[in-house]
Every structure is written in structure tokens, then in C-alpha cells.
Amino acid sequence: MRPNQSPRSIADQSYNNGKDDLEFQDFVASVSVTKEELAVLTGTREYSSIYEVREHLKAARQATEASQLLRDIRRHIQRIWAHFAATAIVATGSHYRSGSPRKT
């Protein structure tokens, strides 16, 4: 502690330094990019800011997730339908075999 400073002023400085650190971390996060973001940013002239690239990638991820969900639902429905069809064939086949005479 410096001779001229009170403990209160030192505490205020440490609070401000902590606040400055958080603001600096926010700034660094806002200008830092991932490899994927950098590839999109440098690979096309369509996007001129990191924000635009992040929004584009976010939308692309959401579209991919939605597409994957639809594929999963389609596969599930196909499995259910196949099971239903197999069950119907077995039930129908056994009904016709036992109920109708065979021609030889």
C-alpha cells in the first residue's frame, strides 16, 4: 500500500481493474475467431464482419440439426411402417391359409 492511499481507494482500483479485465476479455472474444469462422470470412466476400459469419454458421448449424431431426423421424416412421406391414402380412396370410381351401 502506498503511504498516500487509503485501503478504500486501493479496493476501488482493484474493482476497476477487474472491470477493465472483463471488458478486455469481452473485446478479445468479439474479435477472436475459430478456424471455421476464419475460413468462411476469408473464403467469400459475402460476409464482411465476424458477426455476419457467426450468424451464418449458427443458421447453418440449426438447418443441419433440423435436417438431421427430419431424417431421424423419417427413418423411425419407415421402421414403424415396415413393422406394421410385416405384422399385417403375417396376420392376413395366416387368416387366408386357415380360412380358404387350397387348390391342387
Protein backbone atom coordinates (compact mmCIF):
# COMPACT_ATOMS: atom_id res chain seq x y z
CA MET A 1 0.00 0.00 0.00
CA ARG A 2 1.29 3.44 -0.85
CA PRO A 3 1.58 5.87 2.05
CA ASN A 4 -0.90 8.32 0.49
CA GLN A 5 -3.64 5.81 -0.36
CA SER A 6 -6.37 4.61 1.89
CA PRO A 7 -7.45 0.94 1.83
CA ARG A 8 -10.73 2.12 0.27
CA SER A 9 -9.00 3.71 -2.75
CA ILE A 10 -6.96 0.55 -3.27
CA ALA A 11 -10.13 -1.54 -3.21
CA ASP A 12 -11.73 0.82 -5.74
CA GLN A 13 -8.71 0.44 -8.03
CA SER A 14 -8.87 -3.34 -7.84
CA TYR A 15 -12.60 -3.21 -8.69
CA ASN A 16 -11.88 -1.01 -11.71
CA ASN A 17 -9.03 -3.27 -12.80
CA GLY A 18 -11.32 -6.28 -12.54
CA LYS A 19 -13.99 -4.46 -14.54
CA ASP A 20 -11.37 -3.48 -17.13
CA ASP A 21 -10.23 -7.10 -17.33
CA LEU A 22 -13.79 -8.26 -18.05
CA GLU A 23 -14.24 -5.58 -20.68
CA PHE A 24 -10.93 -6.58 -22.27
CA GLN A 25 -11.95 -10.25 -22.26
CA ASP A 26 -15.23 -9.29 -23.95
CA PHE A 27 -13.29 -7.34 -26.57
CA VAL A 28 -10.91 -10.24 -27.22
CA ALA A 29 -13.85 -12.64 -27.52
CA SER A 30 -15.56 -10.31 -30.00
CA VAL A 31 -12.54 -10.17 -32.32
CA SER A 32 -11.31 -13.75 -31.88
CA VAL A 33 -12.42 -16.26 -34.49
CA THR A 34 -12.35 -20.02 -34.81
CA LYS A 35 -10.74 -21.77 -37.76
CA GLU A 36 -14.20 -22.39 -39.20
CA GLU A 37 -15.17 -18.72 -38.89
CA LEU A 38 -11.87 -17.61 -40.39
CA ALA A 39 -12.30 -19.98 -43.33
CA VAL A 40 -15.77 -18.57 -44.08
CA LEU A 41 -14.60 -14.98 -43.60
CA THR A 42 -11.63 -15.35 -45.93
CA GLY A 43 -13.28 -17.76 -48.35
CA THR A 44 -16.08 -15.50 -49.50
CA ARG A 45 -16.79 -11.83 -50.00
CA GLU A 46 -20.40 -12.32 -48.93
CA TYR A 47 -19.66 -11.62 -45.26
CA SER A 48 -17.81 -8.54 -44.12
CA SER A 49 -17.86 -8.96 -40.35
CA ILE A 50 -17.27 -11.61 -37.74
CA TYR A 51 -20.84 -11.12 -36.54
CA GLU A 52 -22.23 -11.95 -40.01
CA VAL A 53 -20.07 -15.06 -40.22
CA ARG A 54 -21.20 -16.23 -36.78
CA GLU A 55 -24.85 -15.69 -37.69
CA HIS A 56 -24.36 -17.59 -40.96
CA LEU A 57 -22.70 -20.52 -39.18
CA LYS A 58 -25.36 -20.52 -36.47
CA ALA A 59 -28.12 -20.68 -39.10
CA ALA A 60 -26.26 -23.41 -40.96
CA ARG A 61 -25.92 -25.47 -37.76
CA GLN A 62 -29.62 -25.04 -37.00
CA ALA A 63 -30.54 -26.09 -40.53
CA THR A 64 -28.27 -29.12 -40.22
CA GLU A 65 -29.81 -30.06 -36.88
CA ALA A 66 -33.33 -29.67 -38.30
CA SER A 67 -32.38 -31.73 -41.33
CA GLN A 68 -30.92 -34.45 -39.11
CA LEU A 69 -34.08 -34.46 -36.99
CA LEU A 70 -36.24 -34.88 -40.10
CA ARG A 71 -34.04 -37.77 -41.31
CA ASP A 72 -34.34 -39.44 -37.90
CA ILE A 73 -38.13 -39.02 -37.92
CA ARG A 74 -38.33 -40.40 -41.47
CA ARG A 75 -36.23 -43.46 -40.51
CA HIS A 76 -38.39 -44.03 -37.44
CA ILE A 77 -41.61 -43.84 -39.48
CA GLN A 78 -40.16 -46.23 -42.07
CA ARG A 79 -39.30 -48.73 -39.31
CA ILE A 80 -42.79 -48.44 -37.83
CA TRP A 81 -44.39 -48.84 -41.25
CA ALA A 82 -42.21 -51.86 -42.08
CA HIS A 83 -43.14 -53.47 -38.76
CA PHE A 84 -46.82 -52.72 -39.36
CA ALA A 85 -46.66 -54.10 -42.90
CA ALA A 86 -44.89 -57.27 -41.75
CA THR A 87 -47.44 -57.77 -38.99
CA ALA A 88 -50.32 -57.19 -41.41
CA ILE A 89 -48.88 -59.69 -43.90
CA VAL A 90 -48.40 -62.33 -41.25
CA ALA A 91 -51.90 -61.76 -39.84
CA THR A 92 -53.50 -61.67 -43.26
CA GLY A 93 -51.54 -64.66 -44.55
CA SER A 94 -52.45 -66.87 -41.62
CA HIS A 95 -56.10 -65.83 -41.95
CA TYR A 96 -56.25 -66.76 -45.62
CA ARG A 97 -54.36 -70.02 -45.14
CA SER A 98 -56.62 -71.30 -42.43
CA GLY A 99 -59.88 -69.97 -43.88
CA SER A 100 -59.64 -70.76 -47.58
CA PRO A 101 -59.28 -74.17 -49.20
CA ARG A 102 -56.23 -74.82 -51.34
CA LYS A 103 -56.47 -75.74 -54.97
CA THR A 104 -54.19 -78.54 -56.06
